[in-house]
Amino acid sequence: MPSEELGEREKEVLRAVVQEYITTGGPVGSQQLTRRPGFEVSSATMRNVLADLEELGFLEKPHTSAGRVPTDQGYRFYVDTLVKLKDPTPRDRELIHAGLIQEANLEEVLGEASRILHSLTRHAGVVVTPRPDASVFHRIEFVRLREDRVLAILVGQSGQVHNKAITVEFPITSDELLKASNYLSELLREVPLEEARERIRTEMDQEQALYNALTAKALKLGAAATDLPTTERVLIQGTGSFLEAPEFADVERMRALFKALDEKHKLLSLLDRVQRANEMQIFIGAESDFSAAGDVSVIASPYGNQEQVLGTVGVIGPTRMDYRRVIPLVNFTAQVLSRVLEKV
């Protein structure tokens, strides 16, 4: 019986098994299910339905237990077809709004988003920051640190702030630093940072830069200041929450999971798929190719401003998570984060 041809009874039983297992953490037996409201069938009939669902790959028996637990395939069918999402409560909405709006800069807002998701879901909250060179240039300021050191402060239109200390190999006065700031801010206005370097190189090749000492100094400062890393960063809050999940009581499984969390490139690669899709993605168990430990789900949604997708926000937790509640919380957090970034 293909999954698309599951009867209503099989669907309701699968839904009940998933929800019961999420709630209790223990294998679910036929007698457990027949005691639930809405199932007017005998234990024998229920056992037959459970056996059919197991044969189709939606359920499995752990060890010698008489009960069954969902497989990755069972969770996938539940999430795609059976789950009845629960809107965030007014209190949850208020906590998300209040937490994100009170922060002043982009870094703090993103850190707070991961912290709030961990607090509300008790899973690890994760945020991928925007790529430094993907932000659109807004202005640049220079602050002298000492005679041969200058701090460049780049501000992006989306609120990103990048600080970079530069060693200056030529004399430059405070007045020249201010003029260099004004010149570069005008030259690079509304240009993506990854294009700003090219624009500076083009200007350096122009003859006027050779004859104008101040322009030449400004362009050298600009070239050094815009030489930023091209990779995003991953902010994670609450990885210790996995210690509370009985599925990860096994030391080797826990070690494999934390190794995967430390290997940020794997997580970045996975969450980059969310950005490219430009919509919420749910990776269940082995689908993520993230952790050799298995039993891990990732729910993530893109965030951004009106011009572009900037990053990803979500949670990482056991496959036995309350998808009904977590999916809407991640989605709502991404929406609020995007609105807040328009004002940062």
C-alpha atoms as a PDB file:
ATOM      1  CA  MET A   1       0.000   0.000   0.000  1.00  0.00           C
ATOM      2  CA  PRO A   2       1.818   3.200  -1.115  1.00  0.00           C
ATOM      3  CA  SER A   3       1.829   6.057   1.385  1.00  0.00           C
ATOM      4  CA  GLU A   4      -0.504   8.156  -0.756  1.00  0.00           C
ATOM      5  CA  GLU A   5      -3.095   5.386  -0.495  1.00  0.00           C
ATOM      6  CA  LEU A   6      -3.128   5.140   3.288  1.00  0.00           C
ATOM      7  CA  GLY A   7      -6.674   4.921   4.559  1.00  0.00           C
ATOM      8  CA  GLU A   8      -8.078   7.359   7.068  1.00  0.00           C
ATOM      9  CA  ARG A   9      -7.753   4.842   9.884  1.00  0.00           C
ATOM     10  CA  GLU A  10      -4.071   4.198   9.099  1.00  0.00           C
ATOM     11  CA  LYS A  11      -3.417   7.936   8.937  1.00  0.00           C
ATOM     12  CA  GLU A  12      -5.110   8.573  12.271  1.00  0.00           C
ATOM     13  CA  VAL A  13      -3.217   5.700  13.906  1.00  0.00           C
ATOM     14  CA  LEU A  14       0.099   6.978  12.535  1.00  0.00           C
ATOM     15  CA  ARG A  15      -0.718  10.486  13.748  1.00  0.00           C
ATOM     16  CA  ALA A  16      -1.572   9.081  17.193  1.00  0.00           C
ATOM     17  CA  VAL A  17       1.622   7.013  17.408  1.00  0.00           C
ATOM     18  CA  VAL A  18       3.808  10.003  16.496  1.00  0.00           C
ATOM     19  CA  GLN A  19       2.070  12.311  18.964  1.00  0.00           C
ATOM     20  CA  GLU A  20       2.099   9.712  21.741  1.00  0.00           C
ATOM     21  CA  TYR A  21       5.784   8.976  21.188  1.00  0.00           C
ATOM     22  CA  ILE A  22       6.666  12.692  21.113  1.00  0.00           C
ATOM     23  CA  THR A  23       4.824  13.136  24.421  1.00  0.00           C
ATOM     24  CA  THR A  24       6.021  10.051  26.307  1.00  0.00           C
ATOM     25  CA  GLY A  25       9.317   9.097  24.674  1.00  0.00           C
ATOM     26  CA  GLY A  26       8.393   5.417  24.995  1.00  0.00           C
ATOM     27  CA  PRO A  27       7.349   2.827  22.376  1.00  0.00           C
ATOM     28  CA  VAL A  28       3.608   2.957  21.693  1.00  0.00           C
ATOM     29  CA  GLY A  29       1.481  -0.205  22.018  1.00  0.00           C
ATOM     30  CA  SER A  30      -1.974  -1.088  20.727  1.00  0.00           C
ATOM     31  CA  GLN A  31      -3.636  -0.931  24.152  1.00  0.00           C
ATOM     32  CA  GLN A  32      -2.208   2.560  24.676  1.00  0.00           C
ATOM     33  CA  LEU A  33      -3.869   3.690  21.450  1.00  0.00           C
ATOM     34  CA  THR A  34      -7.254   2.060  22.026  1.00  0.00           C
ATOM     35  CA  ARG A  35      -7.542   4.017  25.261  1.00  0.00           C
ATOM     36  CA  ARG A  36      -7.251   7.301  23.340  1.00  0.00           C
ATOM     37  CA  PRO A  37     -10.533   9.082  22.522  1.00  0.00           C
ATOM     38  CA  GLY A  38     -11.743   8.529  18.962  1.00  0.00           C
ATOM     39  CA  PHE A  39     -10.516   4.959  18.394  1.00  0.00           C
ATOM     40  CA  GLU A  40     -13.512   2.631  18.501  1.00  0.00           C
ATOM     41  CA  VAL A  41     -11.586  -0.509  17.572  1.00  0.00           C
ATOM     42  CA  SER A  42     -10.341  -3.594  19.372  1.00  0.00           C
ATOM     43  CA  SER A  43      -6.718  -4.130  20.374  1.00  0.00           C
ATOM     44  CA  ALA A  44      -6.502  -6.888  17.750  1.00  0.00           C
ATOM     45  CA  THR A  45      -7.605  -4.535  14.961  1.00  0.00           C
ATOM     46  CA  MET A  46      -5.173  -1.895  16.232  1.00  0.00           C
ATOM     47  CA  ARG A  47      -2.348  -4.442  16.241  1.00  0.00           C
ATOM     48  CA  ASN A  48      -3.104  -5.237  12.594  1.00  0.00           C
ATOM     49  CA  VAL A  49      -3.020  -1.561  11.618  1.00  0.00           C
ATOM     50  CA  LEU A  50       0.281  -1.085  13.469  1.00  0.00           C
ATOM     51  CA  ALA A  51       1.721  -4.154  11.720  1.00  0.00           C
ATOM     52  CA  ASP A  52       0.670  -2.724   8.320  1.00  0.00           C
ATOM     53  CA  LEU A  53       2.304   0.634   9.120  1.00  0.00           C
ATOM     54  CA  GLU A  54       5.463  -1.167  10.195  1.00  0.00           C
ATOM     55  CA  GLU A  55       5.535  -3.179   6.978  1.00  0.00           C
ATOM     56  CA  LEU A  56       5.220   0.052   4.977  1.00  0.00           C
ATOM     57  CA  GLY A  57       8.224   1.531   6.805  1.00  0.00           C
ATOM     58  CA  PHE A  58       6.400   4.165   8.857  1.00  0.00           C
ATOM     59  CA  LEU A  59       6.953   2.447  12.215  1.00  0.00           C
ATOM     60  CA  GLU A  60       9.515   0.135  13.729  1.00  0.00           C
ATOM     61  CA  LYS A  61       9.937  -1.960  16.855  1.00  0.00           C
ATOM     62  CA  PRO A  62      12.891  -0.965  18.994  1.00  0.00           C
ATOM     63  CA  HIS A  63      14.689  -4.083  20.229  1.00  0.00           C
ATOM     64  CA  THR A  64      12.240  -6.576  21.719  1.00  0.00           C
ATOM     65  CA  SER A  65       9.625  -4.041  22.790  1.00  0.00           C
ATOM     66  CA  ALA A  66       6.000  -4.798  22.002  1.00  0.00           C
ATOM     67  CA  GLY A  67       5.445  -1.136  21.158  1.00  0.00           C
ATOM     68  CA  ARG A  68       6.467   0.802  18.074  1.00  0.00           C
ATOM     69  CA  VAL A  69       8.135   4.125  17.324  1.00  0.00           C
ATOM     70  CA  PRO A  70       8.075   6.308  14.185  1.00  0.00           C
ATOM     71  CA  THR A  71      10.801   5.942  11.569  1.00  0.00           C
ATOM     72  CA  ASP A  72      12.206   8.910   9.640  1.00  0.00           C
ATOM     73  CA  GLN A  73       9.698   8.005   6.917  1.00  0.00           C
ATOM     74  CA  GLY A  74       6.896   8.035   9.475  1.00  0.00           C
ATOM     75  CA  TYR A  75       7.901  11.458  10.753  1.00  0.00           C
ATOM     76  CA  ARG A  76       8.174  12.736   7.173  1.00  0.00           C
ATOM     77  CA  PHE A  77       4.649  11.596   6.290  1.00  0.00           C
ATOM     78  CA  TYR A  78       3.379  13.059   9.561  1.00  0.00           C
ATOM     79  CA  VAL A  79       5.007  16.464   8.920  1.00  0.00           C
ATOM     80  CA  ASP A  80       3.996  16.604   5.243  1.00  0.00           C
ATOM     81  CA  THR A  81       0.450  15.299   5.564  1.00  0.00           C
ATOM     82  CA  LEU A  82      -0.873  14.781   9.076  1.00  0.00           C
ATOM     83  CA  VAL A  83       0.445  17.470  11.395  1.00  0.00           C
ATOM     84  CA  LYS A  84      -2.020  20.055  12.675  1.00  0.00           C
ATOM     85  CA  LEU A  85       0.088  23.124  13.417  1.00  0.00           C
ATOM     86  CA  LYS A  86      -0.507  25.141  16.579  1.00  0.00           C
ATOM     87  CA  ASP A  87      -0.120  28.920  16.228  1.00  0.00           C
ATOM     88  CA  PRO A  88       2.327  30.492  18.686  1.00  0.00           C
ATOM     89  CA  THR A  89       0.540  31.575  21.851  1.00  0.00           C
ATOM     90  CA  PRO A  90       0.125  35.290  22.532  1.00  0.00           C
ATOM     91  CA  ARG A  91       2.801  34.945  25.235  1.00  0.00           C
ATOM     92  CA  ASP A  92       5.270  33.313  22.809  1.00  0.00           C
ATOM     93  CA  ARG A  93       4.599  36.016  20.211  1.00  0.00           C
ATOM     94  CA  GLU A  94       5.194  38.731  22.796  1.00  0.00           C
ATOM     95  CA  LEU A  95       8.456  37.140  23.959  1.00  0.00           C
ATOM     96  CA  ILE A  96       9.743  36.951  20.372  1.00  0.00           C
ATOM     97  CA  HIS A  97       8.682  40.515  19.546  1.00  0.00           C
ATOM     98  CA  ALA A  98      10.036  42.006  22.762  1.00  0.00           C
ATOM     99  CA  GLY A  99      13.317  40.094  22.620  1.00  0.00           C
ATOM    100  CA  LEU A 100      14.177  41.024  19.048  1.00  0.00           C
ATOM    101  CA  ILE A 101      12.983  44.632  19.056  1.00  0.00           C
ATOM    102  CA  GLN A 102      14.968  45.633  22.141  1.00  0.00           C
ATOM    103  CA  GLU A 103      18.361  44.833  20.589  1.00  0.00           C
ATOM    104  CA  ALA A 104      20.262  47.666  18.948  1.00  0.00           C
ATOM    105  CA  ASN A 105      22.467  46.078  16.301  1.00  0.00           C
ATOM    106  CA  LEU A 106      22.305  43.161  13.909  1.00  0.00           C
ATOM    107  CA  GLU A 107      24.699  40.890  15.813  1.00  0.00           C
ATOM    108  CA  GLU A 108      22.692  41.263  19.023  1.00  0.00           C
ATOM    109  CA  VAL A 109      19.375  40.722  17.228  1.00  0.00           C
ATOM    110  CA  LEU A 110      20.614  37.492  15.626  1.00  0.00           C
ATOM    111  CA  GLY A 111      22.085  36.206  18.888  1.00  0.00           C
ATOM    112  CA  GLU A 112      18.799  36.945  20.654  1.00  0.00           C
ATOM    113  CA  ALA A 113      16.836  35.083  17.946  1.00  0.00           C
ATOM    114  CA  SER A 114      18.802  31.875  18.590  1.00  0.00           C
ATOM    115  CA  ARG A 115      18.489  32.339  22.360  1.00  0.00           C
ATOM    116  CA  ILE A 116      14.705  32.865  22.202  1.00  0.00           C
ATOM    117  CA  LEU A 117      14.158  29.800  20.014  1.00  0.00           C
ATOM    118  CA  HIS A 118      16.172  27.687  22.441  1.00  0.00           C
ATOM    119  CA  SER A 119      14.220  29.105  25.376  1.00  0.00           C
ATOM    120  CA  LEU A 120      10.814  28.450  23.778  1.00  0.00           C
ATOM    121  CA  THR A 121      11.486  25.024  22.223  1.00  0.00           C
ATOM    122  CA  ARG A 122      14.171  23.598  24.553  1.00  0.00           C
ATOM    123  CA  HIS A 123      16.082  22.631  21.420  1.00  0.00           C
ATOM    124  CA  ALA A 124      19.251  24.231  20.074  1.00  0.00           C
ATOM    125  CA  GLY A 125      18.498  27.585  18.427  1.00  0.00           C
ATOM    126  CA  VAL A 126      20.600  28.288  15.353  1.00  0.00           C
ATOM    127  CA  VAL A 127      21.128  31.403  13.209  1.00  0.00           C
ATOM    128  CA  VAL A 128      23.309  31.795  10.136  1.00  0.00           C
ATOM    129  CA  THR A 129      24.583  35.364   9.912  1.00  0.00           C
ATOM    130  CA  PRO A 130      24.635  37.162   6.552  1.00  0.00           C
ATOM    131  CA  ARG A 131      27.814  36.792   4.505  1.00  0.00           C
ATOM    132  CA  PRO A 132      29.890  39.928   5.189  1.00  0.00           C
ATOM    133  CA  ASP A 133      30.519  40.584   1.506  1.00  0.00           C
ATOM    134  CA  ALA A 134      26.850  40.090   0.585  1.00  0.00           C
ATOM    135  CA  SER A 135      25.613  43.148   2.467  1.00  0.00           C
ATOM    136  CA  VAL A 136      24.939  46.391   0.629  1.00  0.00           C
ATOM    137  CA  PHE A 137      27.325  49.225   1.537  1.00  0.00           C
ATOM    138  CA  HIS A 138      25.869  52.183   3.428  1.00  0.00           C
ATOM    139  CA  ARG A 139      28.800  54.145   4.869  1.00  0.00           C
ATOM    140  CA  ILE A 140      32.349  53.827   6.199  1.00  0.00           C
ATOM    141  CA  GLU A 141      34.082  55.601   9.051  1.00  0.00           C
ATOM    142  CA  PHE A 142      37.719  55.621  10.123  1.00  0.00           C
ATOM    143  CA  VAL A 143      38.949  55.983  13.706  1.00  0.00           C
ATOM    144  CA  ARG A 144      42.638  56.402  14.488  1.00  0.00           C
ATOM    145  CA  LEU A 145      43.902  53.845  16.995  1.00  0.00           C
ATOM    146  CA  ARG A 146      47.528  54.973  16.954  1.00  0.00           C
ATOM    147  CA  GLU A 147      49.929  56.571  14.504  1.00  0.00           C
ATOM    148  CA  ASP A 148      50.040  53.636  12.076  1.00  0.00           C
ATOM    149  CA  ARG A 149      46.741  51.869  12.965  1.00  0.00           C
ATOM    150  CA  VAL A 150      43.217  52.835  11.885  1.00  0.00           C
ATOM    151  CA  LEU A 151      39.901  51.160  12.701  1.00  0.00           C
ATOM    152  CA  ALA A 152      37.573  50.951   9.688  1.00  0.00           C
ATOM    153  CA  ILE A 153      33.877  50.715  10.557  1.00  0.00           C
ATOM    154  CA  LEU A 154      31.738  49.511   7.656  1.00  0.00           C
ATOM    155  CA  VAL A 155      27.969  49.792   8.004  1.00  0.00           C
ATOM    156  CA  GLY A 156      25.666  47.865   5.679  1.00  0.00           C
ATOM    157  CA  GLN A 157      22.137  48.863   4.714  1.00  0.00           C
ATOM    158  CA  SER A 158      20.720  45.883   6.598  1.00  0.00           C
ATOM    159  CA  GLY A 159      22.416  47.001   9.812  1.00  0.00           C
ATOM    160  CA  GLN A 160      25.514  44.852   9.603  1.00  0.00           C
ATOM    161  CA  VAL A 161      28.580  46.454  11.157  1.00  0.00           C
ATOM    162  CA  HIS A 162      32.078  45.217  10.312  1.00  0.00           C
ATOM    163  CA  ASN A 163      35.080  46.492  12.223  1.00  0.00           C
ATOM    164  CA  LYS A 164      38.538  45.998  10.796  1.00  0.00           C
ATOM    165  CA  ALA A 165      41.863  47.260  12.120  1.00  0.00           C
ATOM    166  CA  ILE A 166      44.175  48.401   9.321  1.00  0.00           C
ATOM    167  CA  THR A 167      47.906  49.027   9.417  1.00  0.00           C
ATOM    168  CA  VAL A 168      48.576  52.259   7.500  1.00  0.00           C
ATOM    169  CA  GLU A 169      51.919  52.459   5.723  1.00  0.00           C
ATOM    170  CA  PHE A 170      51.650  56.141   4.809  1.00  0.00           C
ATOM    171  CA  PRO A 171      51.109  59.332   6.838  1.00  0.00           C
ATOM    172  CA  ILE A 172      47.490  60.474   7.093  1.00  0.00           C
ATOM    173  CA  THR A 173      45.931  63.193   9.247  1.00  0.00           C
ATOM    174  CA  SER A 174      42.594  63.052  11.100  1.00  0.00           C
ATOM    175  CA  ASP A 175      41.183  65.553   8.599  1.00  0.00           C
ATOM    176  CA  GLU A 176      42.269  63.300   5.717  1.00  0.00           C
ATOM    177  CA  LEU A 177      40.625  60.307   7.414  1.00  0.00           C
ATOM    178  CA  LEU A 178      37.331  62.223   7.549  1.00  0.00           C
ATOM    179  CA  LYS A 179      37.628  63.224   3.885  1.00  0.00           C
ATOM    180  CA  ALA A 180      38.498  59.629   2.940  1.00  0.00           C
ATOM    181  CA  SER A 181      35.386  58.456   4.787  1.00  0.00           C
ATOM    182  CA  ASN A 182      33.164  60.935   2.928  1.00  0.00           C
ATOM    183  CA  TYR A 183      34.736  60.114  -0.438  1.00  0.00           C
ATOM    184  CA  LEU A 184      34.379  56.336  -0.045  1.00  0.00           C
ATOM    185  CA  SER A 185      30.854  56.607   1.385  1.00  0.00           C
ATOM    186  CA  GLU A 186      29.813  58.469  -1.749  1.00  0.00           C
ATOM    187  CA  LEU A 187      31.759  56.233  -4.136  1.00  0.00           C
ATOM    188  CA  LEU A 188      30.373  52.969  -2.745  1.00  0.00           C
ATOM    189  CA  ARG A 189      26.843  53.993  -1.776  1.00  0.00           C
ATOM    190  CA  GLU A 190      24.308  51.151  -2.309  1.00  0.00           C
ATOM    191  CA  VAL A 191      26.961  48.875  -3.806  1.00  0.00           C
ATOM    192  CA  PRO A 192      27.172  45.247  -2.539  1.00  0.00           C
ATOM    193  CA  LEU A 193      30.433  44.839  -0.647  1.00  0.00           C
ATOM    194  CA  GLU A 194      31.529  42.041  -2.967  1.00  0.00           C
ATOM    195  CA  GLU A 195      31.336  44.604  -5.807  1.00  0.00           C
ATOM    196  CA  ALA A 196      32.853  47.429  -3.745  1.00  0.00           C
ATOM    197  CA  ARG A 197      36.344  45.948  -3.978  1.00  0.00           C
ATOM    198  CA  GLU A 198      36.072  45.839  -7.771  1.00  0.00           C
ATOM    199  CA  ARG A 199      34.888  49.455  -7.897  1.00  0.00           C
ATOM    200  CA  ILE A 200      37.851  50.522  -5.744  1.00  0.00           C
ATOM    201  CA  ARG A 201      40.281  48.643  -7.988  1.00  0.00           C
ATOM    202  CA  THR A 202      38.763  50.358 -11.025  1.00  0.00           C
ATOM    203  CA  GLU A 203      39.181  53.776  -9.398  1.00  0.00           C
ATOM    204  CA  MET A 204      42.777  52.956  -8.478  1.00  0.00           C
ATOM    205  CA  ASP A 205      43.498  52.359 -12.139  1.00  0.00           C
ATOM    206  CA  GLN A 206      42.149  55.756 -13.094  1.00  0.00           C
ATOM    207  CA  GLU A 207      44.743  58.444 -13.768  1.00  0.00           C
ATOM    208  CA  GLN A 208      43.281  60.974 -11.319  1.00  0.00           C
ATOM    209  CA  ALA A 209      44.153  58.673  -8.429  1.00  0.00           C
ATOM    210  CA  LEU A 210      47.786  58.900  -9.438  1.00  0.00           C
ATOM    211  CA  TYR A 211      47.731  62.712  -9.312  1.00  0.00           C
ATOM    212  CA  ASN A 212      45.528  63.174  -6.231  1.00  0.00           C
ATOM    213  CA  ALA A 213      47.356  62.028  -3.100  1.00  0.00           C
ATOM    214  CA  LEU A 214      44.249  62.135  -0.878  1.00  0.00           C
ATOM    215  CA  THR A 215      42.214  60.034  -3.333  1.00  0.00           C
ATOM    216  CA  ALA A 216      45.028  57.524  -3.533  1.00  0.00           C
ATOM    217  CA  LYS A 217      45.170  57.252   0.277  1.00  0.00           C
ATOM    218  CA  ALA A 218      41.383  56.892   0.528  1.00  0.00           C
ATOM    219  CA  LEU A 219      41.323  54.116  -2.062  1.00  0.00           C
ATOM    220  CA  LYS A 220      44.117  52.206  -0.307  1.00  0.00           C
ATOM    221  CA  LEU A 221      42.193  52.463   2.969  1.00  0.00           C
ATOM    222  CA  GLY A 222      38.995  51.373   1.196  1.00  0.00           C
ATOM    223  CA  ALA A 223      40.688  48.361  -0.414  1.00  0.00           C
ATOM    224  CA  ALA A 224      41.984  47.178   2.966  1.00  0.00           C
ATOM    225  CA  ALA A 225      38.674  47.845   4.751  1.00  0.00           C
ATOM    226  CA  THR A 226      36.534  45.932   2.235  1.00  0.00           C
ATOM    227  CA  ASP A 227      38.771  42.868   2.196  1.00  0.00           C
ATOM    228  CA  LEU A 228      36.319  40.921   4.356  1.00  0.00           C
ATOM    229  CA  PRO A 229      35.781  37.182   4.872  1.00  0.00           C
ATOM    230  CA  THR A 230      33.250  35.689   2.453  1.00  0.00           C
ATOM    231  CA  THR A 231      31.840  33.062   4.807  1.00  0.00           C
ATOM    232  CA  GLU A 232      28.854  33.296   7.112  1.00  0.00           C
ATOM    233  CA  ARG A 233      28.979  32.443  10.810  1.00  0.00           C
ATOM    234  CA  VAL A 234      26.746  30.046  12.724  1.00  0.00           C
ATOM    235  CA  LEU A 235      25.357  31.145  16.089  1.00  0.00           C
ATOM    236  CA  ILE A 236      24.051  28.276  18.240  1.00  0.00           C
ATOM    237  CA  GLN A 237      22.374  28.508  21.623  1.00  0.00           C
ATOM    238  CA  GLY A 238      21.404  25.553  23.793  1.00  0.00           C
ATOM    239  CA  THR A 239      23.296  22.530  22.477  1.00  0.00           C
ATOM    240  CA  GLY A 240      23.205  21.229  26.030  1.00  0.00           C
ATOM    241  CA  SER A 241      19.474  20.571  25.509  1.00  0.00           C
ATOM    242  CA  PHE A 242      20.424  17.314  23.773  1.00  0.00           C
ATOM    243  CA  LEU A 243      21.654  16.033  27.139  1.00  0.00           C
ATOM    244  CA  GLU A 244      18.032  16.134  28.318  1.00  0.00           C
ATOM    245  CA  ALA A 245      16.821  13.862  25.494  1.00  0.00           C
ATOM    246  CA  PRO A 246      16.827  10.125  26.381  1.00  0.00           C
ATOM    247  CA  GLU A 247      17.645   9.310  22.733  1.00  0.00           C
ATOM    248  CA  PHE A 248      21.113  10.770  23.319  1.00  0.00           C
ATOM    249  CA  ALA A 249      21.904   8.994  26.574  1.00  0.00           C
ATOM    250  CA  ASP A 250      24.309   6.827  24.559  1.00  0.00           C
ATOM    251  CA  VAL A 251      27.782   8.374  24.878  1.00  0.00           C
ATOM    252  CA  GLU A 252      28.903   7.501  21.342  1.00  0.00           C
ATOM    253  CA  ARG A 253      25.761   8.989  19.816  1.00  0.00           C
ATOM    254  CA  MET A 254      26.189  12.164  21.831  1.00  0.00           C
ATOM    255  CA  ARG A 255      29.858  12.388  20.834  1.00  0.00           C
ATOM    256  CA  ALA A 256      28.933  12.041  17.134  1.00  0.00           C
ATOM    257  CA  LEU A 257      26.291  14.759  17.463  1.00  0.00           C
ATOM    258  CA  PHE A 258      28.607  17.265  19.141  1.00  0.00           C
ATOM    259  CA  LYS A 259      31.291  16.534  16.566  1.00  0.00           C
ATOM    260  CA  ALA A 260      28.759  17.403  13.847  1.00  0.00           C
ATOM    261  CA  LEU A 261      27.811  20.617  15.666  1.00  0.00           C
ATOM    262  CA  ASP A 262      31.488  21.569  15.869  1.00  0.00           C
ATOM    263  CA  GLU A 263      31.968  20.997  12.138  1.00  0.00           C
ATOM    264  CA  LYS A 264      30.215  24.225  11.199  1.00  0.00           C
ATOM    265  CA  HIS A 265      30.780  23.744   7.455  1.00  0.00           C
ATOM    266  CA  LYS A 266      28.332  20.796   7.449  1.00  0.00           C
ATOM    267  CA  LEU A 267      25.674  22.847   9.177  1.00  0.00           C
ATOM    268  CA  LEU A 268      26.344  25.824   6.910  1.00  0.00           C
ATOM    269  CA  SER A 269      25.995  23.613   3.838  1.00  0.00           C
ATOM    270  CA  LEU A 270      22.665  22.290   5.090  1.00  0.00           C
ATOM    271  CA  LEU A 271      21.267  25.699   6.025  1.00  0.00           C
ATOM    272  CA  ASP A 272      22.489  27.201   2.754  1.00  0.00           C
ATOM    273  CA  ARG A 273      19.924  24.941   1.083  1.00  0.00           C
ATOM    274  CA  VAL A 274      17.229  26.798   3.042  1.00  0.00           C
ATOM    275  CA  GLN A 275      18.488  30.143   1.731  1.00  0.00           C
ATOM    276  CA  ARG A 276      18.583  28.902  -1.850  1.00  0.00           C
ATOM    277  CA  ALA A 277      15.063  27.492  -1.571  1.00  0.00           C
ATOM    278  CA  ASN A 278      13.914  30.779   0.036  1.00  0.00           C
ATOM    279  CA  GLU A 279      11.345  28.948   2.137  1.00  0.00           C
ATOM    280  CA  MET A 280      11.138  26.891   5.315  1.00  0.00           C
ATOM    281  CA  GLN A 281      12.802  23.495   5.111  1.00  0.00           C
ATOM    282  CA  ILE A 282      12.451  20.537   7.481  1.00  0.00           C
ATOM    283  CA  PHE A 283      15.188  17.893   7.482  1.00  0.00           C
ATOM    284  CA  ILE A 284      14.318  14.738   9.400  1.00  0.00           C
ATOM    285  CA  GLY A 285      16.914  12.223  10.543  1.00  0.00           C
ATOM    286  CA  ALA A 286      19.148  10.968   7.747  1.00  0.00           C
ATOM    287  CA  GLU A 287      17.667  13.508   5.280  1.00  0.00           C
ATOM    288  CA  SER A 288      19.985  16.194   6.628  1.00  0.00           C
ATOM    289  CA  ASP A 289      23.212  14.249   6.111  1.00  0.00           C
ATOM    290  CA  PHE A 290      24.275  16.365   9.068  1.00  0.00           C
ATOM    291  CA  SER A 291      24.958  14.022  11.952  1.00  0.00           C
ATOM    292  CA  ALA A 292      26.119  10.438  11.873  1.00  0.00           C
ATOM    293  CA  ALA A 293      24.261  10.130  15.171  1.00  0.00           C
ATOM    294  CA  GLY A 294      20.907  10.178  13.354  1.00  0.00           C
ATOM    295  CA  ASP A 295      17.731  10.962  15.284  1.00  0.00           C
ATOM    296  CA  VAL A 296      18.228  14.688  14.607  1.00  0.00           C
ATOM    297  CA  SER A 297      15.808  17.038  12.872  1.00  0.00           C
ATOM    298  CA  VAL A 298      16.529  20.548  11.618  1.00  0.00           C
ATOM    299  CA  ILE A 299      13.721  23.060  11.071  1.00  0.00           C
ATOM    300  CA  ALA A 300      14.896  26.300   9.478  1.00  0.00           C
ATOM    301  CA  SER A 301      13.502  29.309   7.667  1.00  0.00           C
ATOM    302  CA  PRO A 302      15.195  32.124   5.711  1.00  0.00           C
ATOM    303  CA  TYR A 303      15.143  35.724   6.934  1.00  0.00           C
ATOM    304  CA  GLY A 304      16.015  38.932   5.125  1.00  0.00           C
ATOM    305  CA  ASN A 305      14.892  42.359   4.063  1.00  0.00           C
ATOM    306  CA  GLN A 306      12.895  43.507   1.052  1.00  0.00           C
ATOM    307  CA  GLU A 307      15.967  43.337  -1.193  1.00  0.00           C
ATOM    308  CA  GLN A 308      17.418  39.924  -0.394  1.00  0.00           C
ATOM    309  CA  VAL A 309      17.581  36.806   1.754  1.00  0.00           C
ATOM    310  CA  LEU A 310      20.270  37.430   4.371  1.00  0.00           C
ATOM    311  CA  GLY A 311      20.480  34.241   6.409  1.00  0.00           C
ATOM    312  CA  THR A 312      18.702  31.372   8.129  1.00  0.00           C
ATOM    313  CA  VAL A 313      17.105  30.879  11.547  1.00  0.00           C
ATOM    314  CA  GLY A 314      15.901  27.622  13.057  1.00  0.00           C
ATOM    315  CA  VAL A 315      16.260  24.844  15.598  1.00  0.00           C
ATOM    316  CA  ILE A 316      18.160  21.561  15.802  1.00  0.00           C
ATOM    317  CA  GLY A 317      16.661  18.885  18.001  1.00  0.00           C
ATOM    318  CA  PRO A 318      15.773  15.213  18.294  1.00  0.00           C
ATOM    319  CA  THR A 319      13.467  13.784  15.623  1.00  0.00           C
ATOM    320  CA  ARG A 320      11.102  13.291  18.559  1.00  0.00           C
ATOM    321  CA  MET A 321      10.202  16.979  18.736  1.00  0.00           C
ATOM    322  CA  ASP A 322       6.814  18.660  18.900  1.00  0.00           C
ATOM    323  CA  TYR A 323       6.584  19.644  15.219  1.00  0.00           C
ATOM    324  CA  ARG A 324       3.088  21.075  15.770  1.00  0.00           C
ATOM    325  CA  ARG A 325       4.554  23.809  17.958  1.00  0.00           C
ATOM    326  CA  VAL A 326       8.147  24.160  16.731  1.00  0.00           C
ATOM    327  CA  ILE A 327       7.386  24.714  13.022  1.00  0.00           C
ATOM    328  CA  PRO A 328       5.153  27.783  13.643  1.00  0.00           C
ATOM    329  CA  LEU A 329       7.629  29.180  16.213  1.00  0.00           C
ATOM    330  CA  VAL A 330      10.510  29.037  13.728  1.00  0.00           C
ATOM    331  CA  ASN A 331       8.353  30.548  10.989  1.00  0.00           C
ATOM    332  CA  PHE A 332       7.113  33.373  13.229  1.00  0.00           C
ATOM    333  CA  THR A 333      10.637  34.141  14.484  1.00  0.00           C
ATOM    334  CA  ALA A 334      11.896  34.418  10.891  1.00  0.00           C
ATOM    335  CA  GLN A 335       9.041  36.807  10.034  1.00  0.00           C
ATOM    336  CA  VAL A 336       9.680  39.049  13.057  1.00  0.00           C
ATOM    337  CA  LEU A 337      13.439  38.961  12.456  1.00  0.00           C
ATOM    338  CA  SER A 338      12.908  40.104   8.881  1.00  0.00           C
ATOM    339  CA  ARG A 339      10.657  42.979   9.985  1.00  0.00           C
ATOM    340  CA  VAL A 340      13.134  44.046  12.680  1.00  0.00           C
ATOM    341  CA  LEU A 341      16.002  44.097  10.177  1.00  0.00           C
ATOM    342  CA  GLU A 342      14.136  46.650   8.088  1.00  0.00           C
ATOM    343  CA  LYS A 343      14.490  49.025  11.044  1.00  0.00           C
ATOM    344  CA  VAL A 344      17.932  48.126  12.403  1.00  0.00           C
END
